[in-house]
Amino acid sequence: MDTIFTSTFFTFVSFAVIGSVIVYFILLFDKKQRRKLKTILSQTGDVQPLFMQRAANDKLHTIKKICETDAAKARSLATRQLDELVAEYDSGKLSLPDYCNRLNRLLATVA
């Protein structure tokens, strides 16, 4: 009987049991984290990407500054295009990525 408790078989079984318990707790923790992530993603599914929205605001302010400093006809055309673009975005006709792309093009023509 003493040889069973001191043998390598007992060591193997004890490590297998301890390893199984550790794996069980890891899987349990992973399941909880996945549930939390799923609820967070479902709650924030309709929120616009924050960095893209901030970049669009920065581009908008840059274009407005450029249009205010120069009063040429080309600038007034850009101002009109900018007003139309902002109106389309505010009314929901334009998605945020498209809004950013059109602001990029407008910024390239103005600058």
N, C-alpha and C. Protein backbone atom coordinates (compact mmCIF):
# COMPACT_ATOMS: atom_id res chain seq x y z
N MET A 1 0.81 -1.18 0.00
CA MET A 1 0.00 0.00 0.00
C MET A 1 0.86 1.25 0.00
N ASP A 2 1.99 1.22 0.70
CA ASP A 2 2.86 2.38 0.73
C ASP A 2 3.48 2.64 -0.63
N THR A 3 3.64 1.63 -1.39
CA THR A 3 4.26 1.84 -2.70
C THR A 3 3.32 2.57 -3.66
N ILE A 4 2.03 2.48 -3.44
CA ILE A 4 1.08 3.17 -4.32
C ILE A 4 1.19 4.68 -4.13
N PHE A 5 1.31 5.12 -2.87
CA PHE A 5 1.36 6.55 -2.59
C PHE A 5 2.70 7.18 -2.93
N THR A 6 3.73 6.41 -3.03
CA THR A 6 5.04 6.97 -3.34
C THR A 6 5.44 6.71 -4.78
N SER A 7 4.64 6.03 -5.51
CA SER A 7 5.02 5.69 -6.87
C SER A 7 4.77 6.85 -7.83
N THR A 8 5.26 6.69 -9.01
CA THR A 8 5.07 7.71 -10.04
C THR A 8 3.63 7.76 -10.51
N PHE A 9 2.92 6.65 -10.35
CA PHE A 9 1.50 6.64 -10.73
C PHE A 9 0.70 7.62 -9.88
N PHE A 10 0.95 7.63 -8.59
CA PHE A 10 0.26 8.56 -7.70
C PHE A 10 0.62 10.00 -8.05
N THR A 11 1.86 10.26 -8.37
CA THR A 11 2.28 11.60 -8.76
C THR A 11 1.57 12.01 -10.05
N PHE A 12 1.49 11.09 -10.98
CA PHE A 12 0.81 11.39 -12.24
C PHE A 12 -0.67 11.68 -12.02
N VAL A 13 -1.32 10.89 -11.21
CA VAL A 13 -2.75 11.08 -10.95
C VAL A 13 -2.98 12.40 -10.23
N SER A 14 -2.14 12.73 -9.27
CA SER A 14 -2.33 13.99 -8.54
C SER A 14 -2.12 15.18 -9.47
N PHE A 15 -1.11 15.13 -10.33
CA PHE A 15 -0.92 16.21 -11.29
C PHE A 15 -2.07 16.29 -12.29
N ALA A 16 -2.61 15.16 -12.70
CA ALA A 16 -3.73 15.15 -13.63
C ALA A 16 -4.97 15.77 -12.99
N VAL A 17 -5.22 15.45 -11.72
CA VAL A 17 -6.38 16.01 -11.03
C VAL A 17 -6.20 17.52 -10.84
N ILE A 18 -5.03 17.93 -10.36
CA ILE A 18 -4.77 19.36 -10.16
C ILE A 18 -4.83 20.11 -11.49
N GLY A 19 -4.26 19.54 -12.54
CA GLY A 19 -4.31 20.15 -13.87
C GLY A 19 -5.72 20.27 -14.39
N SER A 20 -6.54 19.25 -14.15
CA SER A 20 -7.94 19.30 -14.59
C SER A 20 -8.70 20.40 -13.86
N VAL A 21 -8.46 20.55 -12.57
CA VAL A 21 -9.12 21.60 -11.80
C VAL A 21 -8.69 22.97 -12.31
N ILE A 22 -7.42 23.15 -12.59
CA ILE A 22 -6.92 24.43 -13.11
C ILE A 22 -7.55 24.73 -14.48
N VAL A 23 -7.61 23.75 -15.35
CA VAL A 23 -8.21 23.94 -16.67
C VAL A 23 -9.69 24.28 -16.53
N TYR A 24 -10.38 23.64 -15.59
CA TYR A 24 -11.79 23.93 -15.35
C TYR A 24 -11.98 25.39 -14.95
N PHE A 25 -11.14 25.89 -14.03
CA PHE A 25 -11.26 27.28 -13.60
C PHE A 25 -10.90 28.25 -14.72
N ILE A 26 -9.95 27.91 -15.53
CA ILE A 26 -9.60 28.76 -16.68
C ILE A 26 -10.78 28.83 -17.65
N LEU A 27 -11.39 27.69 -17.94
CA LEU A 27 -12.53 27.69 -18.85
C LEU A 27 -13.73 28.43 -18.25
N LEU A 28 -13.93 28.31 -16.96
CA LEU A 28 -15.00 29.03 -16.29
C LEU A 28 -14.78 30.55 -16.38
N PHE A 29 -13.55 30.98 -16.13
CA PHE A 29 -13.20 32.40 -16.24
C PHE A 29 -13.38 32.89 -17.67
N ASP A 30 -12.96 32.08 -18.65
CA ASP A 30 -13.09 32.45 -20.06
C ASP A 30 -14.57 32.61 -20.44
N LYS A 31 -15.41 31.73 -19.92
CA LYS A 31 -16.84 31.81 -20.22
C LYS A 31 -17.44 33.10 -19.65
N LYS A 32 -17.04 33.48 -18.44
CA LYS A 32 -17.54 34.72 -17.85
C LYS A 32 -17.08 35.93 -18.65
N GLN A 33 -15.82 35.93 -19.08
CA GLN A 33 -15.30 37.05 -19.86
C GLN A 33 -15.98 37.16 -21.21
N ARG A 34 -16.26 36.05 -21.84
CA ARG A 34 -16.96 36.08 -23.12
C ARG A 34 -18.37 36.64 -22.96
N ARG A 35 -19.04 36.27 -21.87
CA ARG A 35 -20.37 36.81 -21.60
C ARG A 35 -20.32 38.32 -21.41
N LYS A 36 -19.34 38.79 -20.64
CA LYS A 36 -19.19 40.23 -20.42
C LYS A 36 -18.92 40.96 -21.73
N LEU A 37 -18.02 40.41 -22.54
CA LEU A 37 -17.69 41.03 -23.81
C LEU A 37 -18.90 41.06 -24.74
N LYS A 38 -19.68 40.00 -24.73
CA LYS A 38 -20.86 39.95 -25.59
C LYS A 38 -21.87 41.02 -25.18
N THR A 39 -22.06 41.22 -23.88
CA THR A 39 -23.01 42.26 -23.45
C THR A 39 -22.49 43.64 -23.77
N ILE A 40 -21.18 43.86 -23.63
CA ILE A 40 -20.62 45.17 -23.96
C ILE A 40 -20.75 45.46 -25.45
N LEU A 41 -20.46 44.46 -26.27
CA LEU A 41 -20.58 44.66 -27.72
C LEU A 41 -22.02 44.88 -28.15
N SER A 42 -22.96 44.22 -27.50
CA SER A 42 -24.36 44.42 -27.87
C SER A 42 -24.84 45.81 -27.44
N GLN A 43 -24.31 46.33 -26.34
CA GLN A 43 -24.71 47.65 -25.88
C GLN A 43 -24.10 48.77 -26.72
N THR A 44 -22.91 48.54 -27.26
CA THR A 44 -22.23 49.59 -28.02
C THR A 44 -22.25 49.33 -29.52
N GLY A 45 -23.17 48.54 -29.98
CA GLY A 45 -23.22 48.19 -31.40
C GLY A 45 -23.55 49.36 -32.31
N ASP A 46 -24.31 50.33 -31.84
CA ASP A 46 -24.73 51.42 -32.69
C ASP A 46 -23.94 52.70 -32.44
N VAL A 47 -22.87 52.63 -31.69
CA VAL A 47 -22.05 53.80 -31.38
C VAL A 47 -21.01 53.99 -32.48
N GLN A 48 -20.86 55.22 -32.95
CA GLN A 48 -19.88 55.51 -34.00
C GLN A 48 -18.47 55.35 -33.45
N PRO A 49 -17.53 54.95 -34.29
CA PRO A 49 -16.14 54.85 -33.84
C PRO A 49 -15.63 56.22 -33.37
N LEU A 50 -15.14 56.25 -32.15
CA LEU A 50 -14.78 57.51 -31.52
C LEU A 50 -13.62 58.20 -32.22
N PHE A 51 -12.60 57.45 -32.59
CA PHE A 51 -11.44 58.07 -33.21
C PHE A 51 -11.76 58.61 -34.60
N MET A 52 -12.62 57.90 -35.33
CA MET A 52 -12.99 58.38 -36.65
C MET A 52 -13.83 59.65 -36.53
N GLN A 53 -14.69 59.71 -35.53
CA GLN A 53 -15.50 60.89 -35.32
C GLN A 53 -14.63 62.08 -34.92
N ARG A 54 -13.63 61.82 -34.10
CA ARG A 54 -12.73 62.90 -33.69
C ARG A 54 -11.90 63.40 -34.87
N ALA A 55 -11.45 62.47 -35.72
CA ALA A 55 -10.68 62.87 -36.90
C ALA A 55 -11.54 63.71 -37.85
N ALA A 56 -12.80 63.34 -37.99
CA ALA A 56 -13.70 64.12 -38.84
C ALA A 56 -13.89 65.53 -38.28
N ASN A 57 -14.02 65.64 -36.96
CA ASN A 57 -14.15 66.97 -36.35
C ASN A 57 -12.90 67.80 -36.56
N ASP A 58 -11.73 67.18 -36.43
CA ASP A 58 -10.49 67.92 -36.65
C ASP A 58 -10.37 68.40 -38.10
N LYS A 59 -10.73 67.55 -39.04
CA LYS A 59 -10.70 67.94 -40.45
C LYS A 59 -11.68 69.08 -40.74
N LEU A 60 -12.85 68.97 -40.12
CA LEU A 60 -13.86 70.00 -40.31
C LEU A 60 -13.38 71.35 -39.81
N HIS A 61 -12.77 71.38 -38.64
CA HIS A 61 -12.27 72.64 -38.09
C HIS A 61 -11.11 73.19 -38.92
N THR A 62 -10.26 72.30 -39.45
CA THR A 62 -9.16 72.75 -40.29
C THR A 62 -9.68 73.38 -41.57
N ILE A 63 -10.67 72.75 -42.19
CA ILE A 63 -11.23 73.30 -43.42
C ILE A 63 -11.91 74.64 -43.14
N LYS A 64 -12.63 74.74 -42.04
CA LYS A 64 -13.29 76.00 -41.70
C LYS A 64 -12.28 77.12 -41.47
N LYS A 65 -11.16 76.82 -40.82
CA LYS A 65 -10.12 77.83 -40.60
C LYS A 65 -9.54 78.30 -41.92
N ILE A 66 -9.28 77.36 -42.81
CA ILE A 66 -8.71 77.72 -44.11
C ILE A 66 -9.69 78.57 -44.90
N CYS A 67 -10.97 78.21 -44.86
CA CYS A 67 -11.98 78.96 -45.61
C CYS A 67 -12.20 80.35 -45.01
N GLU A 68 -12.02 80.51 -43.72
CA GLU A 68 -12.20 81.82 -43.10
C GLU A 68 -11.04 82.76 -43.41
N THR A 69 -9.84 82.23 -43.56
CA THR A 69 -8.68 83.09 -43.79
C THR A 69 -8.65 83.63 -45.21
N ASP A 70 -9.01 82.82 -46.19
CA ASP A 70 -9.01 83.27 -47.59
C ASP A 70 -10.45 83.46 -48.05
N ALA A 71 -10.69 84.57 -48.69
CA ALA A 71 -12.05 84.87 -49.14
C ALA A 71 -12.17 84.79 -50.65
N ALA A 72 -11.35 84.00 -51.28
CA ALA A 72 -11.40 83.89 -52.74
C ALA A 72 -12.63 83.09 -53.18
N LYS A 73 -12.90 83.12 -54.49
CA LYS A 73 -14.06 82.40 -55.01
C LYS A 73 -13.93 80.90 -54.80
N ALA A 74 -12.71 80.40 -54.95
CA ALA A 74 -12.50 78.96 -54.75
C ALA A 74 -12.81 78.58 -53.31
N ARG A 75 -12.48 79.47 -52.39
CA ARG A 75 -12.77 79.20 -50.98
C ARG A 75 -14.27 79.24 -50.71
N SER A 76 -14.96 80.15 -51.38
CA SER A 76 -16.42 80.21 -51.18
C SER A 76 -17.08 78.96 -51.74
N LEU A 77 -16.54 78.43 -52.84
CA LEU A 77 -17.04 77.17 -53.38
C LEU A 77 -16.80 76.04 -52.39
N ALA A 78 -15.62 76.03 -51.79
CA ALA A 78 -15.30 75.01 -50.80
C ALA A 78 -16.20 75.16 -49.57
N THR A 79 -16.50 76.38 -49.20
CA THR A 79 -17.39 76.62 -48.06
C THR A 79 -18.78 76.10 -48.36
N ARG A 80 -19.23 76.32 -49.57
CA ARG A 80 -20.56 75.82 -49.97
C ARG A 80 -20.58 74.30 -49.96
N GLN A 81 -19.51 73.69 -50.52
CA GLN A 81 -19.42 72.22 -50.51
C GLN A 81 -19.37 71.68 -49.08
N LEU A 82 -18.65 72.38 -48.23
CA LEU A 82 -18.55 71.96 -46.84
C LEU A 82 -19.91 72.03 -46.14
N ASP A 83 -20.65 73.10 -46.39
CA ASP A 83 -21.98 73.23 -45.79
C ASP A 83 -22.92 72.12 -46.26
N GLU A 84 -22.85 71.78 -47.55
CA GLU A 84 -23.68 70.70 -48.08
C GLU A 84 -23.27 69.36 -47.47
N LEU A 85 -21.98 69.16 -47.33
CA LEU A 85 -21.47 67.92 -46.77
C LEU A 85 -21.90 67.75 -45.31
N VAL A 86 -21.79 68.81 -44.55
CA VAL A 86 -22.19 68.76 -43.14
C VAL A 86 -23.69 68.54 -43.02
N ALA A 87 -24.46 69.18 -43.88
CA ALA A 87 -25.92 69.00 -43.85
C ALA A 87 -26.31 67.56 -44.18
N GLU A 88 -25.63 66.95 -45.16
CA GLU A 88 -25.91 65.55 -45.50
C GLU A 88 -25.57 64.62 -44.34
N TYR A 89 -24.44 64.89 -43.69
CA TYR A 89 -24.05 64.03 -42.56
C TYR A 89 -24.99 64.20 -41.38
N ASP A 90 -25.39 65.44 -41.11
CA ASP A 90 -26.29 65.69 -39.98
C ASP A 90 -27.68 65.09 -40.20
N SER A 91 -28.11 65.05 -41.45
CA SER A 91 -29.42 64.48 -41.74
C SER A 91 -29.40 62.95 -41.78
N GLY A 92 -28.20 62.36 -41.78
CA GLY A 92 -28.10 60.90 -41.76
C GLY A 92 -28.00 60.28 -43.14
N LYS A 93 -27.86 61.10 -44.17
CA LYS A 93 -27.75 60.58 -45.53
C LYS A 93 -26.35 60.05 -45.82
N LEU A 94 -25.39 60.38 -44.98
CA LEU A 94 -23.99 60.05 -45.22
C LEU A 94 -23.44 59.32 -44.00
N SER A 95 -22.77 58.19 -44.23
CA SER A 95 -22.17 57.45 -43.12
C SER A 95 -20.87 58.12 -42.69
N LEU A 96 -20.40 57.75 -41.52
CA LEU A 96 -19.19 58.37 -40.99
C LEU A 96 -17.95 58.10 -41.84
N PRO A 97 -17.71 56.87 -42.32
CA PRO A 97 -16.54 56.67 -43.19
C PRO A 97 -16.60 57.48 -44.49
N ASP A 98 -17.80 57.56 -45.08
CA ASP A 98 -17.95 58.36 -46.29
C ASP A 98 -17.74 59.84 -46.00
N TYR A 99 -18.24 60.29 -44.87
CA TYR A 99 -18.05 61.68 -44.44
C TYR A 99 -16.57 62.00 -44.29
N CYS A 100 -15.82 61.09 -43.66
CA CYS A 100 -14.37 61.30 -43.50
C CYS A 100 -13.67 61.32 -44.85
N ASN A 101 -14.04 60.43 -45.75
CA ASN A 101 -13.40 60.40 -47.07
C ASN A 101 -13.68 61.68 -47.85
N ARG A 102 -14.91 62.15 -47.80
CA ARG A 102 -15.24 63.38 -48.52
C ARG A 102 -14.58 64.60 -47.89
N LEU A 103 -14.43 64.58 -46.55
CA LEU A 103 -13.69 65.66 -45.90
C LEU A 103 -12.22 65.63 -46.31
N ASN A 104 -11.65 64.44 -46.45
CA ASN A 104 -10.26 64.32 -46.93
C ASN A 104 -10.10 64.93 -48.31
N ARG A 105 -11.03 64.60 -49.21
CA ARG A 105 -10.95 65.16 -50.56
C ARG A 105 -11.10 66.67 -50.56
N LEU A 106 -12.03 67.16 -49.76
CA LEU A 106 -12.25 68.60 -49.68
C LEU A 106 -11.04 69.30 -49.06
N LEU A 107 -10.46 68.68 -48.08
CA LEU A 107 -9.25 69.25 -47.45
C LEU A 107 -8.09 69.29 -48.44
N ALA A 108 -7.99 68.26 -49.28
CA ALA A 108 -6.93 68.23 -50.27
C ALA A 108 -7.12 69.32 -51.32
N THR A 109 -8.34 69.61 -51.68
CA THR A 109 -8.57 70.66 -52.68
C THR A 109 -8.37 72.06 -52.08
N VAL A 110 -8.69 72.22 -50.81
CA VAL A 110 -8.59 73.53 -50.18
C VAL A 110 -7.14 73.86 -49.81
N ALA A 111 -6.44 72.88 -49.30
CA ALA A 111 -5.09 73.14 -48.80
C ALA A 111 -4.06 73.27 -49.87
